[in-house]
Every structure is written in structure tokens, then in C-alpha cells.
Amino acid sequence: MTDQSEKPTQTYLPILIVDDEPSIRRLVTRILSEAGYTSEVACDGREAIEKLKQKSFGLVIADISMPVMDGLAMTEEVVRTMGTEVIIMTGKINRFSYDQVVAKGASDYIQKPFSPEELVLRIERVLRERQLKKEAIRHQNEQAQSQRLESIGQLAAGIAHEINTPIQYIGDNTTFIRESFDDLRRMIRTLLDLYDAARENRGDPGPLDQGLLDRVSTALEETDFEFVNEELPVAIDQTLEGVSRIKEIIKAMKDFSHPGATDHTLANINDCIQSTATISKNEWKYVADLELDLDPALPEIRCNPGELNQVILNIIVNACHAIADRQEEKREDEGRQEGNDTKRGKIGIRTRWQGKAVEIRIFDTGAGISEKIVEKIFDPFFTTKEIGKGTGQGLAIVRSIVVNRHH
């Protein structure tokens, strides 16, 4: 028996033993107790699932042949819905192979009769691998966070451009307003002088001072009052529009980043999509039109908004690259034809409430994915881009966020 102090992996959660034979349940319970593990028992797969719904277990050890629900059916449901590791026990070596058992999601397979040492070693291996998986997920989360920050950094130049444009006409219009008001002040001062002179000469029917009239005439000509009167409201409107645009971009940046947000919270997916569309505008506006068809009846759902923003951003950026590549191919094919403009692409995002879940559909007019590689696109580090232009992590992170943390 392996010494308890030497076990590389220990679980603070009990192990669930599932077998329809009382003698096997007692045997495994004793082995686990001597190895320092706590345990509980169930007589069949259905009872085991009910226990797993009510309580957390570190591991399940189950017989393959049981009434009501056998070990393979139980394993498939447990792994799919709860993610708990399962070791299958069987004496039917000729009927079930290791590959068949593992295909159902089992972490290991042990044949009866087995020695206590063998069982404990397999438990330790499975628990050790589970710990490694947790560390891998943690590392993947760190990579996802790192890539999100990297993506924000890559978009920084575009965001600066988006902010710079409204800032430019805010500055120009503000300068125009200041200069116009200086002219207006001079004209108004001249008119006030004229008014004062008119009051002083009110009792005298003679003509007003010709010099003063000339000053009024000159001021009116220099000021171009009609132009100022027409353009000043437009300048103010453009200034306010620019300020509003800047506020929109800043809000989108805040909504996108969600600094420190690691827990799931109630959020509206439409808001996530709109903020990400704003943030990524400098990516898509040169190659495609982005069309949003967002369900206004969408309820808030429990999710991690920052992670979903990352998902939408990665897909939009991928779509932009695919459309740009296709446009480049068309330009090369039609390069000898003068005046042949490349048609803009299209990216569409649609949301619908399906009663129990939010459906997000995204399409683009890029070149699409070859059937030869479609099964590999979610593999970490797989990329079709040139060296230095893609890490192969984008879609892998998208899948991890959606499937592992939002499914």
C-alpha cells in the first residue's frame, strides 16, 4: 500500500463508489479509508447521479455492469453534465476494451480482481491529472487575459484614430466659434455706439455722423454676419456630435475591458456586441459594413461580459482578415482591368432569444474555411496566416470561453 504521506495528490472531496455488489462496495471503501480518502456509496448509476447532483465528489469509481443504469451510461452523463472524473471497474475484459471505456469519458479502467496498491495508484494518477488539467485551464485563462490585453493594445492605434477625428473638428469648430464671437463682439460694440449716437441725436432730425455709419458698414462687411449666423449653429452641432462620439468610444472601452471581472454576472449580450463593434470599428470600416440585427427582447443572462467581448472581438477581427484576403485575391486576379474597384465585404451579427438560451449568429463574406482544415480551426496554435501575423490562439480561446465557461 502506498504510504499516505507520499501521495503526490490528495482530494479533500469524498470519492463516490458505485457498485451493485455490497462486497465490492465494502472492499473499495476499506481500501480508500486505509489510503486516507473518505468515500460514499451508491448501488447503481442512477443513484450515483442523484448523489452527484446534491453533493460534490472528487472522483467516481464505478462498476461497468449494474441494474437501472450501467457504468458506461452513467459515465457519459456524469462527464458531460458534471465534469467529474470516473474510474471504471470491470471483470468483462473480453466485452469492453480500454478504448471503449475511455470513449465514454472515463479517466481510467481497472479490471477485477485488483490489488489495493493498483487501485490507489490509479486514483492518485487520475487526481494528479485532474490537478494538471486545472493548472492548464488556469494557464489558458491567463493566456486569454493576456491576449485580450494584447488585442486592446493592437486596437489602440485604431481607437486613437477614431477619437482623433472628432477631436479634430471639435478643435477646429471651437476655434471658429471663438473667432466668430470676436467679430460679433466688435460688430455689436459698433452697433451700440451707433445706438448711443442715435439716442443723443433723437431730437435733431439732421443726418447721423457719416463716419459712424461708415464704421457700421465696414464692420458688417468684415464680419459677414449672414455667414456667421448660418454656420455658427452647425459648428456647435458638430462639436456636440464629436463630444457624443468620444463619450460613446470611451464607454465602449470601459464596457469591453471589464477590468478585474472574473465572475459571472447578469449582462445583456446586445450591449457586449455593440461595445465591441465600436471598439473594433477601425478594423472593419475599411473592408466591410457591419450589420447588427439584435433582438430587443433579449433578457439579461448570467455570463462573463469581458470574456464574451473577447469572443466577439476575435470573430470580428478574423472576419475582417478573411474579407481583406479575399479582396486582395480579387485585386490580383483583376489587376489588369483599370478602374476595377473591389466590392466591400459584409459582416453580420444576429441575436435571438430561444427561450432558454441566447443564440448569436455571425456571418461574413470572406473566403470561408476549407473542408480540409475545418476540424482543426479550434486547435491551439493552428493558423492559416503567415508567420508573424497570427498566433493560432484566437479561435481556441473563443471555443474555450464559449464551451467550457458559458455552456
Protein backbone atom coordinates (compact mmCIF):
# COMPACT_ATOMS: atom_id res chain seq x y z
CA MET A 1 0.00 0.00 0.00
CA THR A 2 1.33 3.46 -0.87
CA ASP A 3 2.18 5.49 2.21
CA GLN A 4 -0.33 8.33 2.67
CA SER A 5 2.39 10.88 3.34
CA GLU A 6 3.93 10.10 -0.06
CA LYS A 7 0.78 10.63 -2.13
CA PRO A 8 1.51 13.37 -4.66
CA THR A 9 -2.18 14.23 -4.97
CA GLN A 10 -4.84 14.34 -2.27
CA THR A 11 -8.51 15.17 -2.55
CA TYR A 12 -10.50 16.99 0.10
CA LEU A 13 -13.72 15.80 -1.53
CA PRO A 14 -15.08 12.28 -0.92
CA ILE A 15 -14.88 9.56 -3.56
CA LEU A 16 -18.16 8.01 -4.71
CA ILE A 17 -18.13 4.20 -5.04
CA VAL A 18 -20.81 2.81 -7.37
CA ASP A 19 -21.40 -0.97 -7.49
CA ASP A 20 -24.42 -3.22 -7.14
CA GLU A 21 -22.43 -5.78 -5.11
CA PRO A 22 -22.21 -4.95 -1.38
CA SER A 23 -18.94 -6.89 -1.01
CA ILE A 24 -17.23 -4.75 -3.67
CA ARG A 25 -18.54 -1.55 -2.09
CA ARG A 26 -17.16 -2.64 1.31
CA LEU A 27 -13.80 -3.67 -0.19
CA VAL A 28 -13.26 -0.40 -2.04
CA THR A 29 -14.44 1.63 0.97
CA ARG A 30 -11.83 -0.11 3.15
CA ILE A 31 -9.03 0.40 0.61
CA LEU A 32 -9.82 4.10 0.32
CA SER A 33 -10.08 4.55 4.07
CA GLU A 34 -6.66 2.96 4.60
CA ALA A 35 -5.23 5.23 1.91
CA GLY A 36 -6.62 8.31 3.67
CA TYR A 37 -9.64 9.00 1.47
CA THR A 38 -13.24 9.45 2.57
CA SER A 39 -15.98 7.83 0.50
CA GLU A 40 -19.69 7.30 -0.03
CA VAL A 41 -21.53 4.54 -1.90
CA ALA A 42 -24.32 4.10 -4.46
CA CYS A 43 -25.92 0.89 -5.77
CA ASP A 44 -26.33 1.89 -9.42
CA GLY A 45 -25.70 4.65 -11.94
CA ARG A 46 -28.99 6.45 -11.37
CA GLU A 47 -28.48 6.66 -7.60
CA ALA A 48 -24.93 7.89 -8.22
CA ILE A 49 -26.15 10.71 -10.45
CA GLU A 50 -28.70 11.79 -7.83
CA LYS A 51 -25.92 11.92 -5.22
CA LEU A 52 -23.70 13.91 -7.58
CA LYS A 53 -26.49 16.45 -8.10
CA GLN A 54 -26.71 17.01 -4.35
CA LYS A 55 -23.03 16.93 -3.41
CA SER A 56 -19.57 17.39 -4.91
CA PHE A 57 -17.25 14.41 -5.19
CA GLY A 58 -13.58 14.36 -6.09
CA LEU A 59 -13.85 11.15 -8.10
CA VAL A 60 -16.27 8.35 -9.03
CA ILE A 61 -15.27 4.66 -9.05
CA ALA A 62 -18.00 2.65 -10.78
CA ASP A 63 -18.67 -0.90 -11.91
CA ILE A 64 -19.47 -1.27 -15.60
CA SER A 65 -22.38 -3.73 -15.22
CA MET A 66 -25.19 -2.53 -12.95
CA PRO A 67 -29.00 -2.54 -12.99
CA VAL A 68 -31.12 0.58 -13.74
CA MET A 69 -28.16 2.42 -15.32
CA ASP A 70 -24.85 0.78 -16.16
CA GLY A 71 -21.41 2.27 -15.66
CA LEU A 72 -20.88 3.41 -19.25
CA ALA A 73 -24.19 5.29 -19.46
CA MET A 74 -23.56 6.83 -16.06
CA THR A 75 -20.01 7.83 -17.03
CA GLU A 76 -21.18 9.53 -20.21
CA GLU A 77 -23.79 11.59 -18.36
CA VAL A 78 -21.56 12.42 -15.39
CA VAL A 79 -18.65 13.59 -17.53
CA ARG A 80 -20.90 15.55 -19.90
CA THR A 81 -23.01 17.34 -17.29
CA MET A 82 -20.80 17.49 -14.19
CA GLY A 83 -17.21 17.08 -15.36
CA THR A 84 -16.35 14.65 -12.54
CA GLU A 85 -13.56 12.13 -13.19
CA VAL A 86 -14.62 8.45 -13.39
CA ILE A 87 -12.66 5.20 -13.00
CA ILE A 88 -14.47 2.16 -14.40
CA MET A 89 -14.19 -1.29 -12.75
CA THR A 90 -14.96 -4.38 -14.81
CA GLY A 91 -14.38 -8.09 -14.90
CA LYS A 92 -15.56 -8.39 -18.51
CA ILE A 93 -12.29 -7.87 -20.29
CA ASN A 94 -13.43 -9.63 -23.43
CA ARG A 95 -16.52 -7.49 -23.87
CA PHE A 96 -15.24 -4.00 -23.13
CA SER A 97 -11.90 -2.57 -24.16
CA TYR A 98 -9.99 0.31 -22.61
CA ASP A 99 -10.69 2.42 -25.71
CA GLN A 100 -14.45 1.82 -25.43
CA VAL A 101 -14.47 2.90 -21.81
CA VAL A 102 -12.33 5.98 -22.40
CA ALA A 103 -14.50 6.93 -25.39
CA LYS A 104 -17.41 7.36 -22.96
CA GLY A 105 -15.34 9.82 -20.94
CA ALA A 106 -13.80 7.59 -18.25
CA SER A 107 -10.40 8.68 -16.96
CA ASP A 108 -9.17 5.13 -16.30
CA TYR A 109 -10.13 1.45 -16.37
CA ILE A 110 -9.32 -1.27 -13.83
CA GLN A 111 -10.07 -4.97 -14.16
CA LYS A 112 -11.40 -7.08 -11.31
CA PRO A 113 -9.90 -8.58 -9.28
CA PHE A 114 -7.43 -5.81 -8.47
CA SER A 115 -4.96 -5.24 -5.66
CA PRO A 116 -5.31 -2.33 -3.21
CA GLU A 117 -1.99 -0.94 -4.45
CA GLU A 118 -3.17 -0.93 -8.07
CA LEU A 119 -6.43 0.85 -7.24
CA VAL A 120 -4.71 3.50 -5.12
CA LEU A 121 -2.11 4.14 -7.81
CA ARG A 122 -4.82 4.64 -10.42
CA ILE A 123 -6.72 7.01 -8.10
CA GLU A 124 -3.57 9.02 -7.50
CA ARG A 125 -2.84 9.20 -11.23
CA VAL A 126 -6.36 10.39 -12.08
CA LEU A 127 -6.33 13.00 -9.32
CA ARG A 128 -2.87 14.16 -10.39
CA GLU A 129 -4.06 14.54 -13.98
CA ARG A 130 -7.13 16.43 -12.79
CA GLN A 131 -4.86 18.85 -10.95
CA LEU A 132 -2.78 19.28 -14.09
CA LYS A 133 -5.95 20.00 -16.07
CA LYS A 134 -6.92 22.67 -13.54
CA GLU A 135 -3.50 24.23 -13.86
CA ALA A 136 -3.77 24.08 -17.65
CA ILE A 137 -7.16 25.82 -17.51
CA ARG A 138 -5.71 28.46 -15.21
CA HIS A 139 -2.83 28.94 -17.62
CA GLN A 140 -5.28 29.16 -20.52
CA ASN A 141 -7.28 31.79 -18.62
CA GLU A 142 -4.10 33.76 -18.12
CA GLN A 143 -3.33 33.43 -21.82
CA ALA A 144 -6.85 34.58 -22.67
CA GLN A 145 -6.43 37.61 -20.43
CA SER A 146 -3.02 38.30 -21.91
CA GLN A 147 -4.37 38.06 -25.45
CA ARG A 148 -7.28 40.31 -24.57
CA LEU A 149 -4.85 42.94 -23.33
CA GLU A 150 -2.73 42.36 -26.44
CA SER A 151 -5.80 42.80 -28.63
CA ILE A 152 -6.63 46.05 -26.89
CA GLY A 153 -3.06 47.17 -27.45
CA GLN A 154 -3.27 46.30 -31.14
CA LEU A 155 -6.51 48.24 -31.42
CA ALA A 156 -5.09 51.24 -29.56
CA ALA A 157 -3.84 52.91 -32.75
CA GLY A 158 -7.23 52.46 -34.37
CA ILE A 159 -9.03 53.75 -31.30
CA ALA A 160 -6.72 56.76 -31.23
CA HIS A 161 -7.66 57.41 -34.86
CA GLU A 162 -11.36 57.07 -34.06
CA ILE A 163 -11.00 59.58 -31.22
CA ASN A 164 -8.70 61.90 -33.15
CA THR A 165 -11.21 62.55 -35.95
CA PRO A 166 -13.98 64.03 -33.76
CA ILE A 167 -11.35 65.77 -31.62
CA GLN A 168 -10.02 67.46 -34.77
CA TYR A 169 -13.29 69.04 -35.76
CA ILE A 170 -14.08 69.87 -32.13
CA GLY A 171 -10.85 71.89 -32.08
CA ASP A 172 -11.47 73.48 -35.48
CA ASN A 173 -15.07 74.36 -34.68
CA THR A 174 -14.19 75.73 -31.26
CA THR A 175 -11.56 77.98 -32.87
CA PHE A 176 -14.13 79.10 -35.43
CA ILE A 177 -16.65 79.87 -32.68
CA ARG A 178 -14.09 81.90 -30.75
CA GLU A 179 -13.06 83.94 -33.78
CA SER A 180 -16.68 84.44 -34.82
CA PHE A 181 -17.60 85.71 -31.40
CA ASP A 182 -14.67 88.15 -31.52
CA ASP A 183 -16.08 89.51 -34.77
CA LEU A 184 -19.57 89.61 -33.33
CA ARG A 185 -18.35 91.49 -30.28
CA ARG A 186 -16.71 94.12 -32.46
CA MET A 187 -19.82 94.48 -34.57
CA ILE A 188 -22.09 94.64 -31.54
CA ARG A 189 -19.83 97.30 -29.94
CA THR A 190 -20.07 99.38 -33.12
CA LEU A 191 -23.86 98.98 -33.19
CA LEU A 192 -24.01 100.04 -29.55
CA ASP A 193 -22.03 103.15 -30.42
CA LEU A 194 -24.50 103.79 -33.24
CA TYR A 195 -27.37 103.25 -30.84
CA ASP A 196 -25.90 105.71 -28.36
CA ALA A 197 -25.38 108.28 -31.11
CA ALA A 198 -28.94 107.80 -32.33
CA ARG A 199 -30.24 108.40 -28.83
CA GLU A 200 -28.20 111.57 -28.49
CA ASN A 201 -29.48 112.86 -31.84
CA ARG A 202 -33.04 111.80 -31.28
CA GLY A 203 -34.25 115.40 -31.05
CA ASP A 204 -32.19 116.53 -34.02
CA PRO A 205 -33.64 115.48 -37.44
CA GLY A 206 -30.26 116.04 -39.07
CA PRO A 207 -28.18 113.17 -40.51
CA LEU A 208 -26.08 110.93 -38.24
CA ASP A 209 -22.34 111.24 -38.25
CA GLN A 210 -21.16 109.80 -41.60
CA GLY A 211 -18.01 108.37 -40.04
CA LEU A 212 -20.05 106.30 -37.60
CA LEU A 213 -22.21 104.98 -40.41
CA ASP A 214 -19.08 104.05 -42.34
CA ARG A 215 -17.79 102.14 -39.31
CA VAL A 216 -21.04 100.15 -39.09
CA SER A 217 -20.92 99.38 -42.79
CA THR A 218 -17.30 98.24 -42.61
CA ALA A 219 -17.96 96.08 -39.54
CA LEU A 220 -20.87 94.35 -41.22
CA GLU A 221 -18.79 93.61 -44.30
CA GLU A 222 -15.82 92.27 -42.33
CA THR A 223 -17.97 90.13 -40.07
CA ASP A 224 -20.08 88.56 -42.83
CA PHE A 225 -22.92 88.31 -40.37
CA GLU A 226 -25.10 86.18 -42.62
CA PHE A 227 -22.37 83.52 -42.92
CA VAL A 228 -21.72 83.51 -39.18
CA ASN A 229 -25.41 83.36 -38.43
CA GLU A 230 -25.77 80.32 -40.69
CA GLU A 231 -22.59 78.41 -39.83
CA LEU A 232 -22.34 79.00 -36.09
CA PRO A 233 -25.24 76.64 -35.18
CA VAL A 234 -23.78 73.98 -37.49
CA ALA A 235 -20.40 74.26 -35.82
CA ILE A 236 -21.96 73.92 -32.40
CA ASP A 237 -23.95 70.86 -33.50
CA GLN A 238 -20.82 69.23 -34.90
CA THR A 239 -18.98 69.96 -31.69
CA LEU A 240 -21.67 68.31 -29.62
CA GLU A 241 -21.73 65.37 -32.04
CA GLY A 242 -17.98 64.97 -31.63
CA VAL A 243 -18.25 65.04 -27.86
CA SER A 244 -21.02 62.44 -28.01
CA ARG A 245 -18.88 60.21 -30.23
CA ILE A 246 -15.96 60.42 -27.83
CA LYS A 247 -18.23 59.51 -24.93
CA GLU A 248 -19.51 56.53 -26.92
CA ILE A 249 -15.99 55.28 -27.63
CA ILE A 250 -14.88 55.73 -24.02
CA LYS A 251 -17.97 53.91 -22.74
CA ALA A 252 -17.35 51.09 -25.20
CA MET A 253 -13.76 50.80 -23.98
CA LYS A 254 -14.94 50.56 -20.38
CA ASP A 255 -17.63 48.01 -21.24
CA PHE A 256 -15.18 46.00 -23.29
CA SER A 257 -12.36 45.72 -20.80
CA HIS A 258 -14.30 44.99 -17.60
CA PRO A 259 -11.09 45.23 -15.54
CA GLY A 260 -10.92 42.64 -12.79
CA ALA A 261 -14.20 40.98 -13.79
CA THR A 262 -13.69 37.22 -13.44
CA ASP A 263 -17.06 36.13 -12.08
CA HIS A 264 -20.28 35.63 -14.00
CA THR A 265 -22.81 38.41 -13.62
CA LEU A 266 -26.09 39.45 -15.24
CA ALA A 267 -25.49 41.24 -18.53
CA ASN A 268 -27.17 41.95 -21.86
CA ILE A 269 -25.40 40.28 -24.79
CA ASN A 270 -26.56 43.07 -27.12
CA ASP A 271 -24.60 45.59 -25.04
CA CYS A 272 -21.50 43.39 -25.31
CA ILE A 273 -21.85 43.21 -29.09
CA GLN A 274 -22.46 46.95 -29.52
CA SER A 275 -19.49 47.97 -27.38
CA THR A 276 -17.21 45.51 -29.18
CA ALA A 277 -18.45 46.72 -32.57
CA THR A 278 -17.50 50.26 -31.54
CA ILE A 279 -14.08 49.21 -30.26
CA SER A 280 -13.29 47.22 -33.41
CA LYS A 281 -14.56 49.83 -35.89
CA ASN A 282 -11.10 50.71 -37.13
CA GLU A 283 -10.63 47.04 -38.06
CA TRP A 284 -13.80 46.61 -40.13
CA LYS A 285 -14.72 50.02 -41.51
CA TYR A 286 -12.09 49.91 -44.29
CA VAL A 287 -13.04 46.45 -45.61
CA ALA A 288 -16.66 45.74 -44.68
CA ASP A 289 -20.00 47.01 -43.47
CA LEU A 290 -21.03 45.69 -40.07
CA GLU A 291 -24.75 44.94 -39.79
CA LEU A 292 -26.27 44.33 -36.35
CA ASP A 293 -29.63 42.59 -36.04
CA LEU A 294 -30.04 42.49 -32.28
CA ASP A 295 -33.16 41.13 -30.60
CA PRO A 296 -34.59 43.97 -28.44
CA ALA A 297 -36.40 41.39 -26.27
CA LEU A 298 -33.13 39.75 -25.22
CA PRO A 299 -33.09 39.33 -21.42
CA GLU A 300 -30.03 39.66 -19.24
CA ILE A 301 -28.20 36.36 -18.76
CA ARG A 302 -25.53 35.27 -16.30
CA CYS A 303 -22.17 35.41 -18.06
CA ASN A 304 -18.73 36.98 -18.01
CA PRO A 305 -19.17 40.09 -20.21
CA GLY A 306 -15.44 40.67 -20.59
CA GLU A 307 -14.89 37.15 -21.90
CA LEU A 308 -17.82 37.38 -24.32
CA ASN A 309 -16.47 40.72 -25.57
CA GLN A 310 -13.22 38.89 -26.32
CA VAL A 311 -15.14 36.19 -28.22
CA ILE A 312 -16.98 38.74 -30.39
CA LEU A 313 -13.79 40.75 -30.98
CA ASN A 314 -11.78 37.71 -32.10
CA ILE A 315 -14.50 36.64 -34.53
CA ILE A 316 -14.93 40.16 -35.97
CA VAL A 317 -11.17 40.55 -36.45
CA ASN A 318 -10.96 37.11 -38.08
CA ALA A 319 -13.82 38.07 -40.41
CA CYS A 320 -12.05 41.32 -41.35
CA HIS A 321 -8.85 39.43 -42.17
CA ALA A 322 -10.76 36.86 -44.25
CA ILE A 323 -12.58 39.59 -46.20
CA ALA A 324 -9.36 41.57 -46.72
CA ASP A 325 -7.59 38.43 -48.01
CA ARG A 326 -10.41 37.76 -50.45
CA GLN A 327 -10.36 41.36 -51.66
CA GLU A 328 -6.61 41.14 -52.19
CA GLU A 329 -7.04 37.96 -54.24
CA LYS A 330 -9.66 39.69 -56.40
CA ARG A 331 -7.39 42.69 -56.93
CA GLU A 332 -4.59 40.39 -58.07
CA ASP A 333 -6.92 38.49 -60.42
CA GLU A 334 -8.41 41.67 -61.89
CA GLY A 335 -5.33 43.86 -61.62
CA ARG A 336 -5.03 44.36 -65.36
CA GLN A 337 -8.50 45.89 -65.54
CA GLU A 338 -8.27 49.62 -64.83
CA GLY A 339 -10.83 51.23 -62.57
CA ASN A 340 -11.98 47.92 -61.16
CA ASP A 341 -12.94 48.63 -57.54
CA THR A 342 -13.10 45.79 -55.04
CA LYS A 343 -16.54 45.37 -53.53
CA ARG A 344 -16.81 45.96 -49.79
CA GLY A 345 -17.43 42.92 -47.66
CA LYS A 346 -20.15 42.39 -45.11
CA ILE A 347 -20.15 41.15 -41.52
CA GLY A 348 -23.46 40.41 -39.82
CA ILE A 349 -24.23 39.69 -36.18
CA ARG A 350 -27.70 38.49 -35.19
CA THR A 351 -29.08 37.70 -31.72
CA ARG A 352 -32.26 35.88 -30.80
CA TRP A 353 -33.77 34.62 -27.55
CA GLN A 354 -34.54 30.91 -27.89
CA GLY A 355 -36.49 30.51 -24.65
CA LYS A 356 -33.67 29.06 -22.57
CA ALA A 357 -30.59 30.40 -24.29
CA VAL A 358 -29.27 33.31 -26.33
CA GLU A 359 -28.45 32.48 -29.94
CA ILE A 360 -25.71 34.52 -31.61
CA ARG A 361 -25.21 34.06 -35.35
CA ILE A 362 -22.24 35.68 -37.08
CA PHE A 363 -21.56 35.61 -40.81
CA ASP A 364 -19.13 37.28 -43.17
CA THR A 365 -18.38 37.36 -46.89
CA GLY A 366 -14.81 36.15 -46.54
CA ALA A 367 -13.39 33.19 -48.45
CA GLY A 368 -14.69 30.65 -45.93
CA ILE A 369 -12.91 27.65 -44.42
CA SER A 370 -11.62 24.72 -46.41
CA GLU A 371 -13.17 21.36 -45.51
CA LYS A 372 -9.64 20.00 -45.15
CA ILE A 373 -8.91 22.17 -42.12
CA VAL A 374 -12.36 22.83 -40.64
CA GLU A 375 -11.80 20.24 -37.90
CA LYS A 376 -8.54 21.93 -36.87
CA ILE A 377 -9.61 25.56 -36.58
CA PHE A 378 -10.17 25.35 -32.83
CA ASP A 379 -6.86 23.59 -32.15
CA PRO A 380 -4.43 25.76 -30.13
CA PHE A 381 -1.69 27.34 -32.27
CA PHE A 382 -3.34 26.29 -35.56
CA THR A 383 -3.35 29.18 -38.02
CA THR A 384 -3.62 29.69 -41.76
CA LYS A 385 -1.92 33.08 -41.57
CA GLU A 386 1.67 33.83 -42.46
CA ILE A 387 4.33 33.55 -39.78
CA GLY A 388 4.19 36.60 -37.54
CA LYS A 389 0.61 37.50 -38.48
CA GLY A 390 -1.29 35.07 -36.28
CA THR A 391 -0.75 33.13 -33.05
CA GLY A 392 -3.36 30.44 -33.67
CA GLN A 393 -4.85 31.19 -30.25
CA GLY A 394 -7.88 33.30 -31.21
CA LEU A 395 -10.44 30.62 -32.07
CA ALA A 396 -9.05 28.22 -29.46
CA ILE A 397 -9.76 30.83 -26.81
CA VAL A 398 -13.18 31.54 -28.34
CA ARG A 399 -14.11 27.87 -28.07
CA SER A 400 -12.74 27.59 -24.54
CA ILE A 401 -14.73 30.61 -23.36
CA VAL A 402 -17.99 29.52 -25.01
CA VAL A 403 -17.87 25.75 -24.45
CA ASN A 404 -16.02 25.48 -21.15
CA ARG A 405 -17.22 28.58 -19.34
CA HIS A 406 -20.58 29.52 -20.88
CA HIS A 407 -22.25 26.25 -21.86
